[in-house]
Amino acid sequence: MATLEARLRTARQTGELPASADPRSLAAYIAAVIQGMSQRARDGATAAELTKPPS
């Protein structure tokens, strides 16, 4: 998570993210999404199910 947070800080500094973005919170959110996807995969979700955008 530290690596992701550092990358998000760089993105904020270079203008890829707005100055108001909170890299620590964004990193925690992204980690939670990835962990949830991992759990779903472990429970049998297919790659197609995990990558399909919501309708």
C-alpha atoms as a PDB file:
ATOM      1  CA  MET A   1       0.000   0.000   0.000  1.00  0.00           C
ATOM      2  CA  ALA A   2       2.931   2.330   0.672  1.00  0.00           C
ATOM      3  CA  THR A   3       4.071   2.000  -2.938  1.00  0.00           C
ATOM      4  CA  LEU A   4       0.598   2.798  -4.229  1.00  0.00           C
ATOM      5  CA  GLU A   5       0.324   5.776  -1.890  1.00  0.00           C
ATOM      6  CA  ALA A   6       3.708   7.076  -3.077  1.00  0.00           C
ATOM      7  CA  ARG A   7       2.593   6.747  -6.712  1.00  0.00           C
ATOM      8  CA  LEU A   8      -0.618   8.631  -5.946  1.00  0.00           C
ATOM      9  CA  ARG A   9       1.402  11.388  -4.232  1.00  0.00           C
ATOM     10  CA  THR A  10       3.500  11.705  -7.381  1.00  0.00           C
ATOM     11  CA  ALA A  11       0.334  11.815  -9.473  1.00  0.00           C
ATOM     12  CA  ARG A  12      -0.986  14.646  -7.313  1.00  0.00           C
ATOM     13  CA  GLN A  13       2.299  16.562  -7.611  1.00  0.00           C
ATOM     14  CA  THR A  14       2.371  16.226 -11.409  1.00  0.00           C
ATOM     15  CA  GLY A  15      -1.260  17.201 -11.862  1.00  0.00           C
ATOM     16  CA  GLU A  16      -2.603  13.744 -12.759  1.00  0.00           C
ATOM     17  CA  LEU A  17      -4.773  14.018  -9.637  1.00  0.00           C
ATOM     18  CA  PRO A  18      -6.288  17.201  -8.230  1.00  0.00           C
ATOM     19  CA  ALA A  19      -4.435  18.960  -5.420  1.00  0.00           C
ATOM     20  CA  SER A  20      -7.334  18.106  -3.106  1.00  0.00           C
ATOM     21  CA  ALA A  21      -6.833  14.338  -3.597  1.00  0.00           C
ATOM     22  CA  ASP A  22      -5.834  12.381  -0.495  1.00  0.00           C
ATOM     23  CA  PRO A  23      -3.269   9.749  -1.591  1.00  0.00           C
ATOM     24  CA  ARG A  24      -3.521   7.748   1.658  1.00  0.00           C
ATOM     25  CA  SER A  25      -7.312   7.484   1.451  1.00  0.00           C
ATOM     26  CA  LEU A  26      -7.218   6.667  -2.253  1.00  0.00           C
ATOM     27  CA  ALA A  27      -4.606   3.953  -1.671  1.00  0.00           C
ATOM     28  CA  ALA A  28      -6.733   2.433   1.110  1.00  0.00           C
ATOM     29  CA  TYR A  29      -9.809   2.479  -1.142  1.00  0.00           C
ATOM     30  CA  ILE A  30      -7.969   0.871  -4.057  1.00  0.00           C
ATOM     31  CA  ALA A  31      -6.511  -1.783  -1.728  1.00  0.00           C
ATOM     32  CA  ALA A  32     -10.002  -2.569  -0.403  1.00  0.00           C
ATOM     33  CA  VAL A  33     -11.353  -2.967  -3.947  1.00  0.00           C
ATOM     34  CA  ILE A  34      -8.465  -5.262  -4.908  1.00  0.00           C
ATOM     35  CA  GLN A  35      -8.924  -7.331  -1.743  1.00  0.00           C
ATOM     36  CA  GLY A  36     -12.635  -7.639  -2.470  1.00  0.00           C
ATOM     37  CA  MET A  37     -11.948  -8.764  -6.013  1.00  0.00           C
ATOM     38  CA  SER A  38      -9.451 -11.304  -4.686  1.00  0.00           C
ATOM     39  CA  GLN A  39     -12.046 -12.681  -2.268  1.00  0.00           C
ATOM     40  CA  ARG A  40     -14.630 -12.936  -5.042  1.00  0.00           C
ATOM     41  CA  ALA A  41     -12.101 -14.754  -7.253  1.00  0.00           C
ATOM     42  CA  ARG A  42     -11.326 -17.162  -4.437  1.00  0.00           C
ATOM     43  CA  ASP A  43     -15.050 -17.814  -4.091  1.00  0.00           C
ATOM     44  CA  GLY A  44     -15.326 -18.699  -7.774  1.00  0.00           C
ATOM     45  CA  ALA A  45     -15.953 -15.466  -9.693  1.00  0.00           C
ATOM     46  CA  THR A  46     -14.588 -15.629 -13.218  1.00  0.00           C
ATOM     47  CA  ALA A  47     -12.188 -13.113 -14.731  1.00  0.00           C
ATOM     48  CA  ALA A  48     -15.032 -11.900 -16.950  1.00  0.00           C
ATOM     49  CA  GLU A  49     -17.207 -11.249 -13.891  1.00  0.00           C
ATOM     50  CA  LEU A  50     -14.428  -9.351 -12.155  1.00  0.00           C
ATOM     51  CA  THR A  51     -13.571  -7.148 -15.125  1.00  0.00           C
ATOM     52  CA  LYS A  52     -17.070  -6.430 -16.449  1.00  0.00           C
ATOM     53  CA  PRO A  53     -18.092  -2.825 -15.787  1.00  0.00           C
ATOM     54  CA  PRO A  54     -21.298  -2.413 -13.789  1.00  0.00           C
ATOM     55  CA  SER A  55     -24.406  -1.962 -15.899  1.00  0.00           C
END
